[in-house]
């Protein structure tokens, strides 16, 4: 579940918000990178809410639980995920989301399977029947480097 963020809470971020909403409106996935505490998650939420998709799901990685496969998606949906590889999970997530939007916060703390499913969802062509908008947030300068697949 997302925490409400309105665009009037983003002081001095109009240009960044416009870039996020333009990319999402065009059906492109978004990756927001920055130092801790600068408002990446608030920007992501405001950008998602500006589009008013049918539904927004938000989940995030947790540093001490980075070994748990698909934790952000489990947290976002509150549902068990199917057994199988990342493509099976990505198909399930697309079916659940329909034309909604996923926000994955703290991507630097997720497992390899989550990164793979994230990339599979992000590759879906705009206009496909199961297109899912994707917005991810990560912190640069984190304790572990981002996965090679980013």
N, C-alpha and C. Protein backbone atom coordinates (compact mmCIF):
# COMPACT_ATOMS: atom_id res chain seq x y z
N UNK A 1 0.85 -1.17 0.00
CA UNK A 1 0.00 0.00 0.00
C UNK A 1 0.90 1.24 0.00
N UNK A 2 0.53 2.24 -0.77
CA UNK A 2 1.36 3.43 -0.85
C UNK A 2 0.96 4.44 0.21
N UNK A 3 1.93 5.22 0.61
CA UNK A 3 1.69 6.32 1.52
C UNK A 3 1.37 7.54 0.68
N UNK A 4 0.31 8.28 0.99
CA UNK A 4 -0.06 9.42 0.17
C UNK A 4 1.07 10.45 0.06
N UNK A 5 1.29 10.91 -1.14
CA UNK A 5 2.22 11.98 -1.43
C UNK A 5 1.55 12.84 -2.47
N UNK A 6 1.45 14.12 -2.22
CA UNK A 6 0.88 14.99 -3.23
C UNK A 6 1.98 15.83 -3.84
N UNK A 7 1.71 16.30 -5.05
CA UNK A 7 2.73 17.06 -5.77
C UNK A 7 3.09 18.36 -5.06
N UNK A 8 2.19 18.91 -4.26
CA UNK A 8 2.53 20.15 -3.56
C UNK A 8 3.50 19.91 -2.40
N UNK A 9 3.79 18.67 -2.07
CA UNK A 9 4.79 18.35 -1.06
C UNK A 9 6.19 18.27 -1.66
N UNK A 10 6.31 18.36 -2.96
CA UNK A 10 7.60 18.26 -3.63
C UNK A 10 8.09 19.65 -4.00
N UNK A 11 8.68 20.30 -3.07
CA UNK A 11 9.17 21.66 -3.28
C UNK A 11 10.41 21.62 -4.16
N UNK A 12 10.38 22.38 -5.25
CA UNK A 12 11.52 22.48 -6.14
C UNK A 12 11.79 21.25 -6.99
N UNK A 13 10.83 20.39 -7.15
CA UNK A 13 11.03 19.14 -7.90
C UNK A 13 10.16 19.06 -9.15
N UNK A 14 9.66 20.21 -9.62
CA UNK A 14 8.74 20.21 -10.76
C UNK A 14 9.37 19.58 -12.00
N UNK A 15 10.62 19.91 -12.27
CA UNK A 15 11.27 19.37 -13.47
C UNK A 15 11.40 17.85 -13.38
N UNK A 16 11.84 17.36 -12.21
CA UNK A 16 11.99 15.92 -12.03
C UNK A 16 10.64 15.21 -12.11
N UNK A 17 9.61 15.81 -11.49
CA UNK A 17 8.28 15.22 -11.53
C UNK A 17 7.77 15.15 -12.97
N UNK A 18 8.01 16.19 -13.75
CA UNK A 18 7.58 16.19 -15.14
C UNK A 18 8.27 15.08 -15.94
N UNK A 19 9.55 14.89 -15.69
CA UNK A 19 10.29 13.83 -16.39
C UNK A 19 9.74 12.44 -16.03
N UNK A 20 9.43 12.24 -14.75
CA UNK A 20 8.88 10.95 -14.32
C UNK A 20 7.51 10.73 -14.95
N UNK A 21 6.63 11.72 -14.86
CA UNK A 21 5.27 11.54 -15.39
C UNK A 21 5.27 11.41 -16.91
N UNK A 22 6.14 12.14 -17.60
CA UNK A 22 6.24 12.02 -19.06
C UNK A 22 6.66 10.61 -19.46
N UNK A 23 7.67 10.07 -18.75
CA UNK A 23 8.15 8.72 -19.07
C UNK A 23 7.06 7.68 -18.80
N UNK A 24 6.40 7.79 -17.67
CA UNK A 24 5.34 6.83 -17.34
C UNK A 24 4.17 6.95 -18.31
N UNK A 25 3.80 8.17 -18.67
CA UNK A 25 2.71 8.37 -19.62
C UNK A 25 3.04 7.77 -20.98
N UNK A 26 4.31 7.74 -21.33
CA UNK A 26 4.75 7.15 -22.60
C UNK A 26 4.92 5.63 -22.48
N UNK A 27 4.66 5.08 -21.30
CA UNK A 27 4.78 3.64 -21.10
C UNK A 27 6.19 3.16 -20.88
N UNK A 28 7.10 4.08 -20.53
CA UNK A 28 8.49 3.69 -20.28
C UNK A 28 8.71 3.46 -18.79
N UNK A 29 9.51 2.45 -18.45
CA UNK A 29 9.85 2.25 -17.04
C UNK A 29 10.75 3.37 -16.55
N UNK A 30 10.74 3.61 -15.26
CA UNK A 30 11.51 4.70 -14.67
C UNK A 30 12.39 4.15 -13.56
N UNK A 31 13.63 4.62 -13.52
CA UNK A 31 14.55 4.31 -12.43
C UNK A 31 15.02 5.63 -11.84
N UNK A 32 14.77 5.83 -10.57
CA UNK A 32 15.18 7.05 -9.87
C UNK A 32 16.35 6.68 -8.98
N UNK A 33 17.48 7.36 -9.16
CA UNK A 33 18.69 7.07 -8.41
C UNK A 33 19.12 8.34 -7.67
N UNK A 34 19.55 8.20 -6.44
CA UNK A 34 20.04 9.35 -5.70
C UNK A 34 20.48 8.98 -4.30
N UNK A 35 21.04 9.94 -3.64
CA UNK A 35 21.52 9.75 -2.27
C UNK A 35 20.35 9.54 -1.31
N UNK A 36 20.60 8.91 -0.17
CA UNK A 36 19.54 8.70 0.82
C UNK A 36 18.94 10.02 1.30
N UNK A 37 17.62 10.02 1.45
CA UNK A 37 16.94 11.16 2.07
C UNK A 37 16.63 12.33 1.18
N UNK A 38 16.82 12.21 -0.15
CA UNK A 38 16.56 13.36 -1.02
C UNK A 38 15.16 13.38 -1.60
N UNK A 39 14.35 12.38 -1.28
CA UNK A 39 12.96 12.39 -1.72
C UNK A 39 12.68 11.54 -2.95
N UNK A 40 13.48 10.51 -3.19
CA UNK A 40 13.26 9.65 -4.35
C UNK A 40 11.90 8.95 -4.26
N UNK A 41 11.59 8.41 -3.11
CA UNK A 41 10.33 7.70 -2.95
C UNK A 41 9.15 8.66 -3.05
N UNK A 42 9.26 9.84 -2.47
CA UNK A 42 8.19 10.84 -2.59
C UNK A 42 7.98 11.23 -4.05
N UNK A 43 9.06 11.39 -4.79
CA UNK A 43 8.97 11.72 -6.21
C UNK A 43 8.30 10.57 -6.97
N UNK A 44 8.67 9.34 -6.66
CA UNK A 44 8.06 8.18 -7.32
C UNK A 44 6.56 8.13 -7.04
N UNK A 45 6.18 8.31 -5.80
CA UNK A 45 4.76 8.26 -5.45
C UNK A 45 3.98 9.38 -6.13
N UNK A 46 4.53 10.58 -6.12
CA UNK A 46 3.84 11.71 -6.76
C UNK A 46 3.71 11.49 -8.26
N UNK A 47 4.75 10.96 -8.89
CA UNK A 47 4.68 10.68 -10.31
C UNK A 47 3.63 9.63 -10.64
N UNK A 48 3.57 8.60 -9.82
CA UNK A 48 2.57 7.54 -10.02
C UNK A 48 1.17 8.08 -9.83
N UNK A 49 0.98 8.87 -8.79
CA UNK A 49 -0.36 9.40 -8.50
C UNK A 49 -0.81 10.43 -9.53
N UNK A 50 0.14 11.12 -10.17
CA UNK A 50 -0.21 12.11 -11.18
C UNK A 50 -0.88 11.46 -12.38
N UNK A 51 -0.56 10.20 -12.65
CA UNK A 51 -1.14 9.49 -13.79
C UNK A 51 -2.48 8.87 -13.46
N UNK A 52 -2.79 8.72 -12.21
CA UNK A 52 -4.02 8.09 -11.74
C UNK A 52 -4.25 6.75 -12.45
N UNK A 53 -3.29 5.81 -12.33
CA UNK A 53 -3.56 4.49 -12.88
C UNK A 53 -4.62 3.80 -12.04
N UNK A 54 -5.19 2.73 -12.57
CA UNK A 54 -6.23 2.06 -11.80
C UNK A 54 -5.77 1.62 -10.42
N UNK A 55 -4.53 1.21 -10.31
CA UNK A 55 -4.04 0.73 -9.02
C UNK A 55 -2.54 0.90 -8.96
N UNK A 56 -2.03 1.21 -7.78
CA UNK A 56 -0.59 1.32 -7.55
C UNK A 56 -0.21 0.32 -6.47
N UNK A 57 0.81 -0.50 -6.76
CA UNK A 57 1.34 -1.43 -5.78
C UNK A 57 2.74 -0.99 -5.43
N UNK A 58 3.05 -0.99 -4.15
CA UNK A 58 4.38 -0.57 -3.71
C UNK A 58 4.96 -1.60 -2.75
N UNK A 59 6.18 -1.98 -3.02
CA UNK A 59 6.93 -2.88 -2.15
C UNK A 59 8.39 -2.49 -2.25
N UNK A 60 9.18 -2.97 -1.34
CA UNK A 60 10.58 -2.60 -1.39
C UNK A 60 11.48 -3.68 -0.83
N UNK A 61 12.74 -3.52 -1.17
CA UNK A 61 13.76 -4.40 -0.63
C UNK A 61 14.12 -4.00 0.78
N UNK A 62 14.65 -4.96 1.53
CA UNK A 62 15.11 -4.72 2.89
C UNK A 62 16.50 -5.33 2.99
N UNK A 63 17.46 -4.54 3.44
CA UNK A 63 18.86 -4.97 3.44
C UNK A 63 19.07 -6.31 4.12
N UNK A 64 18.45 -6.53 5.26
CA UNK A 64 18.68 -7.77 6.00
C UNK A 64 17.91 -8.96 5.43
N UNK A 65 17.03 -8.70 4.46
CA UNK A 65 16.24 -9.78 3.85
C UNK A 65 16.50 -9.87 2.35
N UNK A 66 17.69 -9.44 1.92
CA UNK A 66 17.98 -9.42 0.49
C UNK A 66 18.15 -10.81 -0.11
N UNK A 67 18.08 -11.83 0.68
CA UNK A 67 18.16 -13.21 0.22
C UNK A 67 16.78 -13.77 -0.16
N UNK A 68 15.71 -13.06 0.17
CA UNK A 68 14.35 -13.56 -0.06
C UNK A 68 13.89 -13.23 -1.48
N UNK A 69 13.65 -14.26 -2.26
CA UNK A 69 13.20 -14.07 -3.63
C UNK A 69 11.86 -13.33 -3.69
N UNK A 70 11.82 -12.32 -4.52
CA UNK A 70 10.60 -11.57 -4.84
C UNK A 70 9.95 -10.87 -3.65
N UNK A 71 10.72 -10.56 -2.62
CA UNK A 71 10.15 -9.91 -1.44
C UNK A 71 9.37 -8.63 -1.77
N UNK A 72 9.88 -7.71 -2.60
CA UNK A 72 9.10 -6.50 -2.88
C UNK A 72 7.72 -6.80 -3.48
N UNK A 73 7.64 -7.81 -4.33
CA UNK A 73 6.35 -8.16 -4.94
C UNK A 73 5.42 -8.82 -3.94
N UNK A 74 5.97 -9.64 -3.07
CA UNK A 74 5.16 -10.24 -2.02
C UNK A 74 4.60 -9.16 -1.10
N UNK A 75 5.44 -8.18 -0.77
CA UNK A 75 5.00 -7.08 0.09
C UNK A 75 3.96 -6.21 -0.62
N UNK A 76 4.16 -5.98 -1.91
CA UNK A 76 3.26 -5.11 -2.66
C UNK A 76 1.87 -5.73 -2.82
N UNK A 77 1.84 -6.99 -3.21
CA UNK A 77 0.57 -7.64 -3.50
C UNK A 77 -0.09 -8.27 -2.28
N UNK A 78 0.73 -8.69 -1.31
CA UNK A 78 0.18 -9.40 -0.17
C UNK A 78 -0.35 -10.77 -0.55
N UNK A 79 0.21 -11.32 -1.62
CA UNK A 79 -0.22 -12.63 -2.12
C UNK A 79 0.98 -13.55 -2.25
N UNK A 80 0.77 -14.85 -2.15
CA UNK A 80 1.86 -15.77 -2.47
C UNK A 80 2.11 -15.74 -3.97
N UNK A 81 3.35 -15.91 -4.36
CA UNK A 81 3.70 -15.91 -5.77
C UNK A 81 3.85 -17.34 -6.25
N UNK A 82 3.64 -17.59 -7.55
CA UNK A 82 3.75 -18.96 -8.06
C UNK A 82 5.20 -19.45 -8.03
N UNK A 83 5.35 -20.75 -7.98
CA UNK A 83 6.67 -21.35 -8.12
C UNK A 83 7.09 -21.22 -9.57
N UNK A 84 8.36 -21.09 -9.79
CA UNK A 84 8.86 -21.00 -11.15
C UNK A 84 9.93 -19.94 -11.26
N UNK A 85 10.43 -19.78 -12.47
CA UNK A 85 11.48 -18.80 -12.68
C UNK A 85 10.89 -17.39 -12.79
N UNK A 86 11.76 -16.43 -13.05
CA UNK A 86 11.35 -15.02 -13.08
C UNK A 86 10.31 -14.75 -14.16
N UNK A 87 10.34 -15.47 -15.27
CA UNK A 87 9.34 -15.22 -16.32
C UNK A 87 7.94 -15.66 -15.87
N UNK A 88 7.87 -16.74 -15.11
CA UNK A 88 6.58 -17.18 -14.56
C UNK A 88 6.05 -16.15 -13.58
N UNK A 89 6.93 -15.67 -12.72
CA UNK A 89 6.53 -14.66 -11.74
C UNK A 89 6.14 -13.35 -12.44
N UNK A 90 6.91 -12.94 -13.44
CA UNK A 90 6.60 -11.71 -14.18
C UNK A 90 5.23 -11.81 -14.85
N UNK A 91 4.91 -12.96 -15.43
CA UNK A 91 3.59 -13.16 -16.04
C UNK A 91 2.48 -13.05 -14.99
N UNK A 92 2.71 -13.67 -13.83
CA UNK A 92 1.73 -13.60 -12.74
C UNK A 92 1.53 -12.15 -12.29
N UNK A 93 2.64 -11.42 -12.13
CA UNK A 93 2.55 -10.02 -11.70
C UNK A 93 1.82 -9.18 -12.73
N UNK A 94 2.09 -9.41 -14.00
CA UNK A 94 1.40 -8.66 -15.06
C UNK A 94 -0.10 -8.95 -15.03
N UNK A 95 -0.47 -10.21 -14.80
CA UNK A 95 -1.89 -10.56 -14.70
C UNK A 95 -2.54 -9.86 -13.52
N UNK A 96 -1.84 -9.81 -12.39
CA UNK A 96 -2.38 -9.17 -11.19
C UNK A 96 -2.51 -7.66 -11.39
N UNK A 97 -1.52 -7.08 -12.02
CA UNK A 97 -1.47 -5.63 -12.16
C UNK A 97 -2.37 -5.10 -13.25
N UNK A 98 -2.62 -5.92 -14.26
CA UNK A 98 -3.35 -5.48 -15.45
C UNK A 98 -2.67 -4.23 -15.98
N UNK A 99 -3.32 -3.07 -15.91
CA UNK A 99 -2.68 -1.86 -16.41
C UNK A 99 -2.29 -0.93 -15.25
N UNK A 100 -2.00 -1.51 -14.10
CA UNK A 100 -1.60 -0.74 -12.94
C UNK A 100 -0.12 -0.38 -12.97
N UNK A 101 0.39 0.00 -11.83
CA UNK A 101 1.76 0.46 -11.72
C UNK A 101 2.41 -0.13 -10.48
N UNK A 102 3.61 -0.67 -10.65
CA UNK A 102 4.39 -1.16 -9.52
C UNK A 102 5.45 -0.12 -9.17
N UNK A 103 5.62 0.15 -7.89
CA UNK A 103 6.76 0.91 -7.39
C UNK A 103 7.59 -0.06 -6.56
N UNK A 104 8.85 -0.25 -6.94
CA UNK A 104 9.76 -1.08 -6.16
C UNK A 104 10.78 -0.14 -5.54
N UNK A 105 10.73 0.00 -4.25
CA UNK A 105 11.61 0.90 -3.52
C UNK A 105 12.83 0.13 -3.03
N UNK A 106 13.92 0.85 -2.85
CA UNK A 106 15.17 0.26 -2.35
C UNK A 106 15.61 -0.94 -3.17
N UNK A 107 15.65 -0.74 -4.48
CA UNK A 107 16.03 -1.80 -5.40
C UNK A 107 17.44 -2.31 -5.13
N UNK A 108 18.28 -1.51 -4.51
CA UNK A 108 19.65 -1.96 -4.21
C UNK A 108 19.67 -3.11 -3.21
N UNK A 109 18.55 -3.37 -2.52
CA UNK A 109 18.52 -4.42 -1.50
C UNK A 109 17.73 -5.64 -1.95
N UNK A 110 17.42 -5.79 -3.22
CA UNK A 110 16.62 -6.93 -3.65
C UNK A 110 17.51 -8.04 -4.19
N UNK A 111 16.95 -9.23 -4.27
CA UNK A 111 17.65 -10.41 -4.76
C UNK A 111 17.70 -10.41 -6.30
N UNK A 112 18.50 -11.31 -6.83
CA UNK A 112 18.68 -11.41 -8.29
C UNK A 112 17.37 -11.76 -9.00
N UNK A 113 16.56 -12.64 -8.41
CA UNK A 113 15.29 -13.02 -9.04
C UNK A 113 14.36 -11.82 -9.19
N UNK A 114 14.33 -10.96 -8.19
CA UNK A 114 13.49 -9.76 -8.27
C UNK A 114 13.99 -8.83 -9.37
N UNK A 115 15.30 -8.67 -9.47
CA UNK A 115 15.86 -7.84 -10.53
C UNK A 115 15.47 -8.40 -11.89
N UNK A 116 15.57 -9.71 -12.06
CA UNK A 116 15.22 -10.34 -13.33
C UNK A 116 13.75 -10.14 -13.66
N UNK A 117 12.87 -10.37 -12.69
CA UNK A 117 11.43 -10.16 -12.92
C UNK A 117 11.14 -8.69 -13.22
N UNK A 118 11.84 -7.79 -12.53
CA UNK A 118 11.67 -6.35 -12.78
C UNK A 118 12.03 -6.02 -14.22
N UNK A 119 13.15 -6.55 -14.69
CA UNK A 119 13.57 -6.30 -16.08
C UNK A 119 12.58 -6.89 -17.08
N UNK A 120 12.06 -8.07 -16.79
CA UNK A 120 11.07 -8.68 -17.68
C UNK A 120 9.80 -7.85 -17.76
N UNK A 121 9.34 -7.34 -16.63
CA UNK A 121 8.15 -6.48 -16.64
C UNK A 121 8.43 -5.17 -17.36
N UNK A 122 9.61 -4.61 -17.14
CA UNK A 122 9.96 -3.33 -17.76
C UNK A 122 10.08 -3.45 -19.27
N UNK A 123 10.40 -4.64 -19.78
CA UNK A 123 10.54 -4.84 -21.22
C UNK A 123 9.21 -4.98 -21.95
N UNK A 124 8.13 -5.14 -21.23
CA UNK A 124 6.83 -5.31 -21.89
C UNK A 124 6.52 -4.08 -22.73
N UNK A 125 6.06 -4.32 -23.92
CA UNK A 125 5.80 -3.22 -24.85
C UNK A 125 4.56 -2.43 -24.43
N UNK A 126 4.65 -1.09 -24.49
CA UNK A 126 3.45 -0.29 -24.23
C UNK A 126 2.34 -0.70 -25.18
N UNK A 127 1.14 -0.73 -24.67
CA UNK A 127 0.01 -1.08 -25.50
C UNK A 127 -0.31 -2.57 -25.52
N UNK A 128 0.59 -3.39 -24.96
CA UNK A 128 0.27 -4.81 -24.90
C UNK A 128 -0.84 -5.01 -23.88
N UNK A 129 -1.59 -6.09 -24.01
CA UNK A 129 -2.72 -6.27 -23.09
C UNK A 129 -2.30 -6.38 -21.63
N UNK A 130 -1.05 -6.74 -21.38
CA UNK A 130 -0.60 -6.89 -20.00
C UNK A 130 0.57 -5.97 -19.73
N UNK A 131 0.52 -4.75 -20.23
CA UNK A 131 1.58 -3.79 -19.98
C UNK A 131 1.49 -3.29 -18.55
N UNK A 132 2.60 -3.29 -17.88
CA UNK A 132 2.66 -2.82 -16.49
C UNK A 132 3.64 -1.66 -16.44
N UNK A 133 3.20 -0.53 -15.95
CA UNK A 133 4.12 0.59 -15.74
C UNK A 133 5.00 0.25 -14.56
N UNK A 134 6.25 0.67 -14.63
CA UNK A 134 7.20 0.29 -13.62
C UNK A 134 8.01 1.48 -13.17
N UNK A 135 8.11 1.66 -11.88
CA UNK A 135 8.88 2.76 -11.32
C UNK A 135 9.71 2.21 -10.18
N UNK A 136 11.02 2.36 -10.28
CA UNK A 136 11.90 1.82 -9.25
C UNK A 136 12.76 2.91 -8.64
N UNK A 137 13.10 2.73 -7.39
CA UNK A 137 13.87 3.71 -6.64
C UNK A 137 15.07 3.01 -6.03
N UNK A 138 16.25 3.59 -6.19
CA UNK A 138 17.44 3.01 -5.60
C UNK A 138 18.35 4.11 -5.08
N UNK A 139 19.22 3.76 -4.18
CA UNK A 139 20.16 4.69 -3.59
C UNK A 139 21.54 4.42 -4.16
N UNK A 140 22.20 5.47 -4.61
CA UNK A 140 23.59 5.28 -5.05
C UNK A 140 24.49 5.36 -3.83
N UNK A 141 25.68 4.82 -3.93
CA UNK A 141 26.59 4.83 -2.81
C UNK A 141 26.19 3.85 -1.72
N UNK A 142 25.40 2.82 -2.09
CA UNK A 142 24.96 1.86 -1.10
C UNK A 142 26.09 0.88 -0.77
N UNK A 143 25.89 0.10 0.26
CA UNK A 143 26.93 -0.81 0.76
C UNK A 143 27.33 -1.85 -0.30
N UNK A 144 26.37 -2.32 -1.07
CA UNK A 144 26.70 -3.30 -2.12
C UNK A 144 26.42 -2.68 -3.47
N UNK A 145 27.24 -3.00 -4.48
CA UNK A 145 27.01 -2.43 -5.81
C UNK A 145 25.75 -3.00 -6.44
N UNK A 146 25.16 -2.26 -7.39
CA UNK A 146 23.97 -2.79 -8.07
C UNK A 146 24.34 -4.04 -8.85
N UNK A 147 23.37 -4.91 -9.09
CA UNK A 147 23.62 -6.12 -9.88
C UNK A 147 24.10 -5.75 -11.27
N UNK A 148 24.89 -6.64 -11.88
CA UNK A 148 25.41 -6.42 -13.22
C UNK A 148 24.31 -6.24 -14.26
N UNK A 149 23.13 -6.81 -14.00
CA UNK A 149 22.07 -6.78 -15.00
C UNK A 149 21.37 -5.42 -15.09
N UNK A 150 21.73 -4.46 -14.24
CA UNK A 150 21.07 -3.15 -14.30
C UNK A 150 21.54 -2.41 -15.47
